[in-house]
Amino acid sequence: MCYPALGIALTYGELDRRANRCAHMLRAYGLQRGDHFALLVENVPVFHELVWAGHNAGLYYTAISWRFRPDEIAFIVGNCGARLVFFTAQQAGLAAELRGRFPDVAFVDVTDGSFSAGYPDTPIADESRGSDMLYSSGSTGRPKGIKQVLPDAAVDGLSTMFAIYADRYGWGEDTVYLMPCPLYHSGPMRFAMAMQHVGAKLVVMEKFDAEAALALVEQQRVTHAHWVPTMLVRLLKLPADVRARYDLSSLRVIVHGAAPIAPDVKRACIDWFGPILEESYGGTEGNGLTMISSREWLDHPGSVGRPFLGAVHVLDDAGHEVLVGETGTIWFSGGPGFAYHGDPDRTAQAFDAAGRSTLGDLGHVDADGYVYLTDRRNAMAISGGVNVFPQEAENRLISHPEVADASVFGVPDDDMGEVLHAVVQPLSDGADHEALAVRLGSWCRDGLATIKCPRTYEFRDCLPRHDTGKIYARHLKEEWLARRERHS
């Protein structure tokens, strides 16, 4: 495992010893199997020893996004029942604020690595497999803690889902895996731990930078890169001479998921990198998984693949299966179970009487069994009595050469009930916003039905997008509604 920007390389032997010391420390604090701790830690090496300590000690561990709002973070600390919170100097101010709210929770600064000094570096006597308990991004509502039953399985070895990934992507000791995403998110954390299970070399970036990522592919001879759609967009929009500067011939697989990708963006990536993009669809809940290769995608453009874990069902609002090609809610059956911690109502809403579970996405399945996503159910706008899905407009805007990022959502309208509003980050800092809005309006109308096009635009230097690619559309919409209220 290495952190090139920090000049740090860590062998698995040293990581194991550090995780063992931390596991002994957790026992000294009184944490036993099934107990819970949390961490407010950025992409630094200590992150790995903390989660492996929890994994080996049979604990639940919650990595919290320090990009959440303070009240959301406080909610998570209280909701998950953490008895201990690890933090770094970067999060010291936040930790100090939380201490006042949670006087019975221990807070431990792990910045200098001395927090577990003096504990044995051998395994604890009662090792058992723990589990993460992570929270949804909060992009559409209050974060949900996704809890699975602690597995009755050996500490070593991949989960069923990641054994599928490893087999499909050819992971092994010769794998060099580039991870530029924040480790507090479920996908990056789980993929990173899977690399450590199989003995691969894990290359971690503190934060994503498009050109720096290409440079690392060349320097580290990266074989597998983990790039979410927003990262692929930033890579594509690098100047042509920068993109051509680096030797990317070692790349065998580019993994992407976590958020929808515009078809034009994916096609451009395949043209550049070759047919090595592998996409998957699932959630932190782990209730199902679909996968699709580049070659399959070119035959089924826009699809997120066929099911590899669990079976897919597309149901109408009455719970009946719809016909092939018809849109409904995507449900999985036969996959692992889960619950939303401390929220039985939301858990019940995610399951039906037949035991099928849903993430709340709408879509359809084609005659070949490939799944296509339309949008989140709670993102749908009803404009003039017609269901309109913002994702189509977002995809169209992001493919415009003058756009760095975009978010589209429904807002109230006296005439149509709801219309779409776009928040756009221009690629150029000096863009004429009024003229750009006109060009973007024409661009959308050229590619979409009029009702699917944003009626209004606003421009920002950056958008509140999670590093995993998910946009905080809820925050943007709340701001829009607050402005409307002030001006009414």
Protein backbone atom coordinates (compact mmCIF):
# COMPACT_ATOMS: atom_id res chain seq x y z
CA MET A 1 0.00 0.00 0.00
CA CYS A 2 1.39 3.42 -0.85
CA TYR A 3 0.48 7.09 -0.59
CA PRO A 4 2.74 8.67 -3.24
CA ALA A 5 1.88 12.28 -2.36
CA LEU A 6 2.87 11.64 1.26
CA GLY A 7 5.94 9.58 0.36
CA ILE A 8 4.62 6.70 2.49
CA ALA A 9 4.67 3.01 1.62
CA LEU A 10 3.36 0.39 4.03
CA THR A 11 3.83 -3.36 3.81
CA TYR A 12 0.99 -5.67 4.70
CA GLY A 13 3.03 -7.00 7.59
CA GLU A 14 3.30 -3.54 9.10
CA LEU A 15 -0.38 -2.80 8.45
CA ASP A 16 -1.30 -6.04 10.22
CA ARG A 17 0.84 -5.19 13.24
CA ARG A 18 -0.69 -1.71 13.50
CA ALA A 19 -4.22 -3.08 13.17
CA ASN A 20 -3.48 -5.65 15.89
CA ARG A 21 -2.29 -2.94 18.28
CA CYS A 22 -5.45 -0.96 17.59
CA ALA A 23 -7.64 -4.04 18.14
CA HIS A 24 -6.03 -4.57 21.56
CA MET A 25 -6.69 -0.91 22.32
CA LEU A 26 -10.35 -1.30 21.38
CA ARG A 27 -10.66 -4.21 23.78
CA ALA A 28 -8.97 -2.10 26.48
CA TYR A 29 -11.69 0.51 25.95
CA GLY A 30 -14.23 -2.23 26.61
CA LEU A 31 -15.50 -2.75 23.07
CA GLN A 32 -16.64 -6.32 22.42
CA ARG A 33 -18.12 -8.08 19.38
CA GLY A 34 -21.09 -6.17 18.05
CA ASP A 35 -20.06 -2.84 19.62
CA HIS A 36 -19.48 0.26 17.56
CA PHE A 37 -16.90 2.95 16.85
CA ALA A 38 -16.70 5.78 14.31
CA LEU A 39 -13.91 7.60 12.53
CA LEU A 40 -13.49 11.08 11.09
CA VAL A 41 -10.36 10.41 9.07
CA GLU A 42 -9.33 11.52 5.58
CA ASN A 43 -7.30 9.47 3.09
CA VAL A 44 -4.24 8.76 5.23
CA PRO A 45 -2.62 5.44 6.20
CA VAL A 46 -4.10 5.33 9.70
CA PHE A 47 -7.55 4.95 8.13
CA HIS A 48 -6.67 1.41 7.07
CA GLU A 49 -5.40 0.25 10.45
CA LEU A 50 -8.56 1.51 12.13
CA VAL A 51 -10.99 -0.28 9.83
CA TRP A 52 -8.93 -3.48 9.87
CA ALA A 53 -8.87 -3.37 13.66
CA GLY A 54 -12.66 -3.16 13.65
CA HIS A 55 -12.89 -5.89 11.03
CA ASN A 56 -10.68 -8.24 13.08
CA ALA A 57 -12.31 -7.45 16.42
CA GLY A 58 -15.89 -8.23 15.34
CA LEU A 59 -17.02 -4.62 15.62
CA TYR A 60 -19.17 -2.29 13.59
CA TYR A 61 -17.17 0.67 12.27
CA THR A 62 -18.64 3.81 10.74
CA ALA A 63 -16.45 6.04 8.61
CA ILE A 64 -18.14 9.44 8.48
CA SER A 65 -17.83 11.92 5.67
CA TRP A 66 -16.40 15.05 7.18
CA ARG A 67 -17.97 16.87 4.22
CA PHE A 68 -21.38 16.34 5.79
CA ARG A 69 -22.97 19.23 7.61
CA PRO A 70 -22.12 19.31 11.36
CA ASP A 71 -25.68 18.41 12.35
CA GLU A 72 -25.61 15.41 9.99
CA ILE A 73 -22.32 14.23 11.51
CA ALA A 74 -23.71 14.63 15.02
CA PHE A 75 -26.79 12.67 13.99
CA ILE A 76 -24.61 9.81 12.71
CA VAL A 77 -22.45 9.68 15.85
CA GLY A 78 -25.56 9.51 18.01
CA ASN A 79 -27.55 7.19 15.75
CA CYS A 80 -24.82 4.58 15.27
CA GLY A 81 -24.18 4.29 18.99
CA ALA A 82 -20.44 4.85 18.70
CA ARG A 83 -18.62 4.37 21.98
CA LEU A 84 -15.41 5.81 20.56
CA VAL A 85 -14.61 8.28 17.77
CA PHE A 86 -11.20 8.44 16.09
CA PHE A 87 -10.18 11.71 14.44
CA THR A 88 -7.20 13.48 12.90
CA ALA A 89 -5.83 16.99 13.31
CA GLN A 90 -7.75 18.03 10.20
CA GLN A 91 -10.99 17.20 12.03
CA ALA A 92 -9.93 18.45 15.47
CA GLY A 93 -12.33 21.40 15.47
CA LEU A 94 -15.22 19.17 14.54
CA ALA A 95 -14.22 16.64 17.18
CA ALA A 96 -14.13 19.38 19.83
CA GLU A 97 -17.68 20.41 18.91
CA LEU A 98 -18.89 16.81 19.03
CA ARG A 99 -17.31 16.23 22.44
CA GLY A 100 -19.69 18.79 23.89
CA ARG A 101 -22.68 16.93 22.47
CA PHE A 102 -21.50 13.44 23.44
CA PRO A 103 -19.84 13.56 26.86
CA ASP A 104 -20.01 9.77 27.25
CA VAL A 105 -18.17 9.05 23.98
CA ALA A 106 -14.36 8.76 23.97
CA PHE A 107 -12.54 10.82 21.31
CA VAL A 108 -9.06 9.70 20.23
CA ASP A 109 -6.64 11.74 18.10
CA VAL A 110 -4.80 9.40 15.72
CA THR A 111 -2.75 12.01 13.90
CA ASP A 112 0.73 11.00 15.00
CA GLY A 113 0.12 7.25 15.13
CA SER A 114 1.03 6.94 18.81
CA PHE A 115 -2.52 6.33 20.01
CA SER A 116 -2.03 2.54 20.16
CA ALA A 117 1.60 2.52 21.27
CA GLY A 118 2.35 -0.02 23.97
CA TYR A 119 -0.29 -2.53 22.92
CA PRO A 120 0.77 -5.94 21.53
CA ASP A 121 1.21 -6.24 17.79
CA THR A 122 -0.04 -9.82 17.79
CA PRO A 123 -3.70 -10.70 17.07
CA ILE A 124 -6.25 -10.43 19.86
CA ALA A 125 -7.29 -13.80 21.29
CA ASP A 126 -10.92 -13.56 20.21
CA GLU A 127 -10.69 -12.40 16.60
CA SER A 128 -13.96 -12.46 14.65
CA ARG A 129 -15.18 -10.77 11.52
CA GLY A 130 -16.70 -7.32 11.92
CA SER A 131 -18.53 -5.12 9.44
CA ASP A 132 -18.77 -1.55 8.31
CA MET A 133 -22.01 0.27 9.07
CA LEU A 134 -22.00 3.20 6.70
CA TYR A 135 -24.46 5.98 6.10
CA SER A 136 -26.05 7.08 2.86
CA SER A 137 -24.74 10.30 1.38
CA GLY A 138 -27.68 12.38 2.60
CA SER A 139 -28.13 13.72 -0.94
CA THR A 140 -31.89 13.17 -0.81
CA GLY A 141 -32.70 13.18 2.91
CA ARG A 142 -31.41 12.35 6.37
CA PRO A 143 -28.49 9.89 6.21
CA LYS A 144 -29.47 6.25 6.74
CA GLY A 145 -27.23 3.82 8.61
CA ILE A 146 -27.02 0.61 6.61
CA LYS A 147 -26.53 -2.32 8.95
CA GLN A 148 -25.92 -5.96 8.12
CA VAL A 149 -25.79 -8.90 10.49
CA LEU A 150 -22.23 -9.52 11.62
CA PRO A 151 -20.95 -12.35 9.44
CA ASP A 152 -20.19 -15.73 10.93
CA ALA A 153 -17.13 -16.14 8.72
CA ALA A 154 -13.36 -16.22 8.90
CA VAL A 155 -11.57 -12.91 9.32
CA ASP A 156 -9.61 -13.50 6.12
CA GLY A 157 -11.26 -13.86 2.75
CA LEU A 158 -13.48 -11.87 0.43
CA SER A 159 -17.22 -11.43 0.83
CA THR A 160 -19.49 -13.08 -1.74
CA MET A 161 -19.89 -9.82 -3.65
CA PHE A 162 -16.20 -9.03 -3.81
CA ALA A 163 -15.34 -12.58 -4.78
CA ILE A 164 -17.50 -11.88 -7.86
CA TYR A 165 -15.56 -8.69 -8.56
CA ALA A 166 -12.20 -10.41 -8.05
CA ASP A 167 -13.06 -13.18 -10.45
CA ARG A 168 -14.41 -10.86 -13.14
CA TYR A 169 -11.65 -8.26 -12.93
CA GLY A 170 -8.73 -10.64 -12.39
CA TRP A 171 -7.57 -9.27 -9.05
CA GLY A 172 -4.48 -10.80 -7.51
CA GLU A 173 -0.98 -10.11 -6.23
CA ASP A 174 -0.01 -8.58 -9.59
CA THR A 175 -2.83 -6.01 -9.39
CA VAL A 176 -1.89 -2.36 -8.92
CA TYR A 177 -5.07 -0.54 -7.93
CA LEU A 178 -5.42 3.26 -8.04
CA MET A 179 -7.89 4.58 -5.46
CA PRO A 180 -8.48 8.36 -5.73
CA CYS A 181 -11.86 8.38 -3.97
CA PRO A 182 -12.55 9.22 -0.30
CA LEU A 183 -12.20 6.07 1.76
CA TYR A 184 -15.07 7.02 4.06
CA HIS A 185 -17.48 6.03 1.30
CA SER A 186 -18.64 2.42 1.04
CA GLY A 187 -17.34 1.57 -2.42
CA PRO A 188 -13.81 2.96 -1.98
CA MET A 189 -13.43 1.49 1.52
CA ARG A 190 -14.66 -1.93 0.47
CA PHE A 191 -12.64 -2.00 -2.74
CA ALA A 192 -9.52 -0.93 -0.83
CA MET A 193 -10.02 -3.66 1.76
CA ALA A 194 -10.63 -6.18 -1.02
CA MET A 195 -7.28 -5.23 -2.55
CA GLN A 196 -5.67 -5.89 0.80
CA HIS A 197 -7.46 -9.24 1.06
CA VAL A 198 -6.00 -10.39 -2.29
CA GLY A 199 -2.52 -8.94 -1.70
CA ALA A 200 -2.63 -6.30 -4.44
CA LYS A 201 -0.65 -3.07 -4.38
CA LEU A 202 -3.02 -0.27 -3.38
CA VAL A 203 -2.12 3.25 -4.54
CA VAL A 204 -4.14 5.88 -2.67
CA MET A 205 -4.55 9.54 -3.59
CA GLU A 206 -5.32 12.02 -0.82
CA LYS A 207 -7.71 13.71 -3.22
CA PHE A 208 -8.41 13.40 -6.92
CA ASP A 209 -6.57 15.52 -9.46
CA ALA A 210 -7.07 14.57 -13.10
CA GLU A 211 -3.54 15.04 -14.41
CA ALA A 212 -1.96 13.68 -11.23
CA ALA A 213 -4.07 10.52 -11.65
CA LEU A 214 -2.72 9.98 -15.17
CA ALA A 215 0.81 10.56 -13.90
CA LEU A 216 0.32 7.90 -11.21
CA VAL A 217 -0.90 5.40 -13.78
CA GLU A 218 2.39 5.85 -15.60
CA GLN A 219 4.65 6.00 -12.52
CA GLN A 220 3.07 3.11 -10.62
CA ARG A 221 2.17 1.01 -13.69
CA VAL A 222 -1.43 0.94 -12.50
CA THR A 223 -3.45 -2.01 -13.82
CA HIS A 224 -6.85 -1.12 -12.34
CA ALA A 225 -8.17 2.42 -11.80
CA HIS A 226 -11.23 3.37 -9.76
CA TRP A 227 -12.75 6.48 -11.36
CA VAL A 228 -16.30 7.65 -10.72
CA PRO A 229 -18.16 9.46 -13.54
CA THR A 230 -17.24 12.99 -12.44
CA MET A 231 -13.57 11.99 -12.47
CA LEU A 232 -13.93 10.56 -15.98
CA VAL A 233 -15.48 13.87 -17.08
CA ARG A 234 -12.53 15.80 -15.64
CA LEU A 235 -10.08 13.45 -17.32
CA LEU A 236 -11.82 13.87 -20.67
CA LYS A 237 -11.77 17.66 -20.38
CA LEU A 238 -8.02 17.86 -19.87
CA PRO A 239 -6.28 19.48 -22.86
CA ALA A 240 -5.44 16.98 -25.59
CA ASP A 241 -1.68 17.46 -25.14
CA VAL A 242 -1.96 16.69 -21.41
CA ARG A 243 -3.97 13.54 -22.06
CA ALA A 244 -1.38 12.38 -24.58
CA ARG A 245 1.55 13.08 -22.25
CA TYR A 246 1.26 9.93 -20.12
CA ASP A 247 1.81 6.25 -20.83
CA LEU A 248 -1.43 4.49 -19.86
CA SER A 249 -0.61 1.15 -21.48
CA SER A 250 -0.54 -0.70 -18.12
CA LEU A 251 -4.27 -0.12 -17.57
CA ARG A 252 -6.32 -3.30 -17.89
CA VAL A 253 -9.56 -2.26 -16.16
CA ILE A 254 -11.25 1.03 -15.25
CA VAL A 255 -13.96 0.48 -12.63
CA HIS A 256 -16.77 3.00 -12.37
CA GLY A 257 -20.13 3.18 -10.65
CA ALA A 258 -21.60 5.02 -7.62
CA ALA A 259 -23.42 7.54 -9.85
CA PRO A 260 -24.96 7.64 -13.34
CA ILE A 261 -22.67 8.30 -16.29
CA ALA A 262 -23.74 10.22 -19.37
CA PRO A 263 -23.68 7.90 -22.42
CA ASP A 264 -21.67 10.44 -24.44
CA VAL A 265 -19.06 10.54 -21.68
CA LYS A 266 -18.79 6.77 -21.50
CA ARG A 267 -18.50 6.42 -25.26
CA ALA A 268 -15.73 9.03 -25.31
CA CYS A 269 -13.88 7.17 -22.53
CA ILE A 270 -14.08 3.89 -24.43
CA ASP A 271 -12.74 5.65 -27.52
CA TRP A 272 -9.80 6.96 -25.47
CA PHE A 273 -8.92 4.09 -23.13
CA GLY A 274 -10.26 1.22 -25.19
CA PRO A 275 -12.98 -1.24 -24.13
CA ILE A 276 -11.68 -1.58 -20.57
CA LEU A 277 -14.42 0.28 -18.66
CA GLU A 278 -16.31 -1.96 -16.27
CA GLU A 279 -19.49 -0.60 -14.70
CA SER A 280 -21.46 -1.92 -11.76
CA TYR A 281 -24.70 -0.92 -10.10
CA GLY A 282 -25.61 -1.56 -6.50
CA GLY A 283 -25.77 0.28 -3.23
CA THR A 284 -24.16 0.45 0.17
CA GLU A 285 -26.99 -1.87 1.19
CA GLY A 286 -25.29 -4.68 -0.76
CA ASN A 287 -28.65 -6.24 -1.63
CA GLY A 288 -27.80 -6.85 -5.28
CA LEU A 289 -25.28 -6.20 -8.01
CA THR A 290 -25.34 -5.73 -11.77
CA MET A 291 -22.22 -5.55 -13.96
CA ILE A 292 -21.47 -4.70 -17.57
CA SER A 293 -18.32 -4.64 -19.72
CA SER A 294 -17.52 -2.03 -22.35
CA ARG A 295 -18.25 -4.46 -25.18
CA GLU A 296 -21.63 -5.34 -23.69
CA TRP A 297 -22.38 -1.66 -23.14
CA LEU A 298 -21.68 -0.81 -26.78
CA ASP A 299 -24.34 -3.38 -27.69
CA HIS A 300 -26.66 -2.14 -24.91
CA PRO A 301 -25.79 1.57 -24.56
CA GLY A 302 -27.00 3.13 -21.33
CA SER A 303 -27.36 -0.18 -19.48
CA VAL A 304 -25.82 -0.89 -16.08
CA GLY A 305 -25.64 -4.58 -16.87
CA ARG A 306 -27.16 -7.90 -15.88
CA PRO A 307 -27.50 -9.20 -12.32
CA PHE A 308 -24.53 -11.03 -10.80
CA LEU A 309 -25.81 -11.06 -7.21
CA GLY A 310 -29.54 -11.36 -6.63
CA ALA A 311 -32.29 -11.32 -9.25
CA VAL A 312 -33.78 -8.11 -10.66
CA HIS A 313 -37.50 -7.35 -10.77
CA VAL A 314 -39.18 -4.26 -12.21
CA LEU A 315 -42.45 -3.56 -10.41
CA ASP A 316 -45.24 -1.02 -10.78
CA ASP A 317 -46.65 0.91 -7.82
CA ALA A 318 -49.01 -1.97 -7.03
CA GLY A 319 -46.11 -4.41 -6.78
CA HIS A 320 -46.77 -6.20 -10.06
CA GLU A 321 -44.05 -7.11 -12.56
CA VAL A 322 -44.13 -4.84 -15.62
CA LEU A 323 -43.54 -5.94 -19.19
CA VAL A 324 -40.08 -6.02 -20.75
CA GLY A 325 -39.05 -2.47 -21.64
CA GLU A 326 -41.58 -0.81 -19.32
CA THR A 327 -40.39 1.52 -16.55
CA GLY A 328 -40.96 0.70 -12.91
CA THR A 329 -39.11 0.48 -9.62
CA ILE A 330 -36.02 -1.76 -9.54
CA TRP A 331 -36.15 -4.47 -6.86
CA PHE A 332 -33.66 -7.22 -5.96
CA SER A 333 -34.42 -10.67 -4.58
CA GLY A 334 -32.09 -13.37 -3.33
CA GLY A 335 -29.32 -11.00 -2.24
CA PRO A 336 -28.01 -10.26 1.27
CA GLY A 337 -30.35 -8.66 3.77
CA PHE A 338 -29.88 -5.33 5.52
CA ALA A 339 -31.66 -2.89 7.80
CA TYR A 340 -31.59 0.86 8.31
CA HIS A 341 -30.24 1.20 11.81
CA GLY A 342 -32.77 2.55 14.29
CA ASP A 343 -35.31 3.23 11.55
CA PRO A 344 -37.77 0.34 11.20
CA ASP A 345 -40.17 2.43 9.08
CA ARG A 346 -37.57 3.12 6.39
CA THR A 347 -36.44 -0.48 6.54
CA ALA A 348 -40.02 -1.64 5.99
CA GLN A 349 -40.39 0.74 3.04
CA ALA A 350 -37.32 -0.82 1.38
CA PHE A 351 -38.83 -4.34 1.43
CA ASP A 352 -42.04 -5.84 0.08
CA ALA A 353 -44.10 -8.78 1.30
CA ALA A 354 -42.10 -11.16 -0.90
CA GLY A 355 -38.82 -10.11 0.74
CA ARG A 356 -37.58 -8.13 -2.26
CA SER A 357 -35.67 -4.92 -1.55
CA THR A 358 -35.20 -1.66 -3.44
CA LEU A 359 -32.85 1.30 -3.43
CA GLY A 360 -35.61 3.50 -4.84
CA ASP A 361 -34.34 3.61 -8.43
CA LEU A 362 -36.58 3.58 -11.48
CA GLY A 363 -35.68 1.74 -14.65
CA HIS A 364 -36.44 -1.11 -17.01
CA VAL A 365 -35.02 -4.41 -18.27
CA ASP A 366 -34.62 -5.22 -21.95
CA ALA A 367 -35.30 -8.53 -23.70
CA ASP A 368 -31.72 -9.68 -23.05
CA GLY A 369 -31.98 -9.09 -19.30
CA TYR A 370 -29.93 -5.88 -19.19
CA VAL A 371 -30.95 -3.27 -16.62
CA TYR A 372 -31.35 0.43 -17.48
CA LEU A 373 -31.79 3.13 -14.84
CA THR A 374 -34.03 6.13 -15.39
CA ASP A 375 -33.53 8.14 -12.20
CA ARG A 376 -34.21 8.12 -8.49
CA ARG A 377 -37.93 7.99 -7.75
CA ASN A 378 -37.68 10.99 -5.43
CA ALA A 379 -35.90 13.03 -8.14
CA MET A 380 -38.80 12.80 -10.60
CA ALA A 381 -40.61 16.03 -11.43
CA ILE A 382 -44.17 16.20 -12.76
CA SER A 383 -44.38 18.95 -15.36
CA GLY A 384 -47.73 19.58 -17.01
CA GLY A 385 -48.84 16.12 -15.87
CA VAL A 386 -45.79 14.43 -17.47
CA ASN A 387 -43.14 12.55 -15.48
CA VAL A 388 -39.78 14.20 -16.16
CA PHE A 389 -36.47 12.77 -14.99
CA PRO A 390 -33.68 15.32 -14.35
CA GLN A 391 -30.92 12.81 -15.09
CA GLU A 392 -31.54 13.10 -18.84
CA ALA A 393 -30.94 16.85 -18.76
CA GLU A 394 -27.91 16.45 -16.50
CA ASN A 395 -26.38 13.97 -18.93
CA ARG A 396 -27.00 16.33 -21.82
CA LEU A 397 -25.49 19.35 -20.05
CA ILE A 398 -22.40 17.52 -18.79
CA SER A 399 -21.61 16.45 -22.35
CA HIS A 400 -21.41 20.11 -23.46
CA PRO A 401 -17.78 21.20 -24.00
CA GLU A 402 -18.22 24.38 -21.92
CA VAL A 403 -19.63 22.60 -18.85
CA ALA A 404 -17.53 21.18 -16.02
CA ASP A 405 -20.46 19.97 -13.91
CA ALA A 406 -24.24 20.30 -13.69
CA SER A 407 -27.18 19.44 -11.49
CA VAL A 408 -30.82 19.52 -12.57
CA PHE A 409 -33.89 19.26 -10.33
CA GLY A 410 -37.58 20.10 -10.34
CA VAL A 411 -38.86 23.36 -8.87
CA PRO A 412 -42.41 24.66 -8.38
CA ASP A 413 -44.05 26.49 -11.29
CA ASP A 414 -47.45 28.19 -11.22
CA ASP A 415 -48.31 27.12 -14.75
CA MET A 416 -46.75 23.67 -15.18
CA GLY A 417 -46.72 22.47 -11.57
CA GLU A 418 -42.99 21.82 -11.78
CA VAL A 419 -40.25 22.67 -14.27
CA LEU A 420 -36.58 21.79 -14.38
CA HIS A 421 -33.91 24.15 -13.06
CA ALA A 422 -30.20 23.69 -13.84
CA VAL A 423 -27.21 24.67 -11.73
CA VAL A 424 -24.09 24.70 -13.89
CA GLN A 425 -20.37 24.92 -13.23
CA PRO A 426 -18.74 26.37 -16.37
CA LEU A 427 -15.45 24.91 -17.51
CA SER A 428 -14.03 28.44 -17.93
CA ASP A 429 -13.89 30.84 -14.99
CA GLY A 430 -14.52 33.83 -17.25
CA ALA A 431 -17.62 32.50 -19.02
CA ASP A 432 -20.38 34.95 -19.93
CA HIS A 433 -23.21 33.32 -18.00
CA GLU A 434 -26.06 34.95 -19.90
CA ALA A 435 -24.67 33.94 -23.29
CA LEU A 436 -23.79 30.46 -22.00
CA ALA A 437 -27.35 29.94 -20.78
CA VAL A 438 -28.60 30.65 -24.30
CA ARG A 439 -26.15 28.15 -25.80
CA LEU A 440 -27.01 25.50 -23.24
CA GLY A 441 -30.72 25.99 -23.88
CA SER A 442 -30.18 25.36 -27.58
CA TRP A 443 -27.94 22.39 -26.82
CA CYS A 444 -30.60 20.77 -24.66
CA ARG A 445 -33.42 21.41 -27.14
CA ASP A 446 -31.32 19.86 -29.91
CA GLY A 447 -31.02 16.62 -27.96
CA LEU A 448 -34.10 16.41 -25.76
CA ALA A 449 -37.84 16.92 -25.90
CA THR A 450 -38.70 20.47 -24.82
CA ILE A 451 -40.40 19.36 -21.62
CA LYS A 452 -37.18 17.62 -20.53
CA CYS A 453 -35.09 20.78 -20.90
CA PRO A 454 -34.31 23.13 -18.00
CA ARG A 455 -36.37 26.30 -18.06
CA THR A 456 -33.92 28.30 -15.96
CA TYR A 457 -30.18 28.29 -15.26
CA GLU A 458 -27.84 29.50 -12.56
CA PHE A 459 -24.05 29.32 -12.51
CA ARG A 460 -21.61 28.53 -9.72
CA ASP A 461 -17.87 28.13 -9.33
CA CYS A 462 -18.39 24.61 -7.96
CA LEU A 463 -21.24 22.30 -7.10
CA PRO A 464 -21.81 20.41 -3.83
CA ARG A 465 -20.98 17.04 -5.29
CA HIS A 466 -19.89 14.14 -3.12
CA ASP A 467 -16.46 12.83 -4.13
CA THR A 468 -18.14 9.57 -5.10
CA GLY A 469 -20.01 11.43 -7.83
CA LYS A 470 -23.38 11.92 -6.17
CA ILE A 471 -24.72 15.44 -6.25
CA TYR A 472 -26.28 17.04 -3.20
CA ALA A 473 -29.33 18.10 -5.22
CA ARG A 474 -31.37 18.37 -2.03
CA HIS A 475 -29.10 21.14 -0.75
CA LEU A 476 -29.34 23.03 -4.05
CA LYS A 477 -33.11 22.72 -4.13
CA GLU A 478 -33.41 23.86 -0.51
CA GLU A 479 -31.36 26.95 -1.37
CA TRP A 480 -33.53 27.64 -4.43
CA LEU A 481 -36.73 27.35 -2.36
CA ALA A 482 -35.29 29.59 0.38
CA ARG A 483 -34.46 32.29 -2.20
CA ARG A 484 -37.97 32.02 -3.64
CA GLU A 485 -39.47 32.38 -0.17
CA ARG A 486 -37.37 35.47 0.58
CA HIS A 487 -38.41 37.14 -2.68
CA SER A 488 -42.10 36.27 -2.48
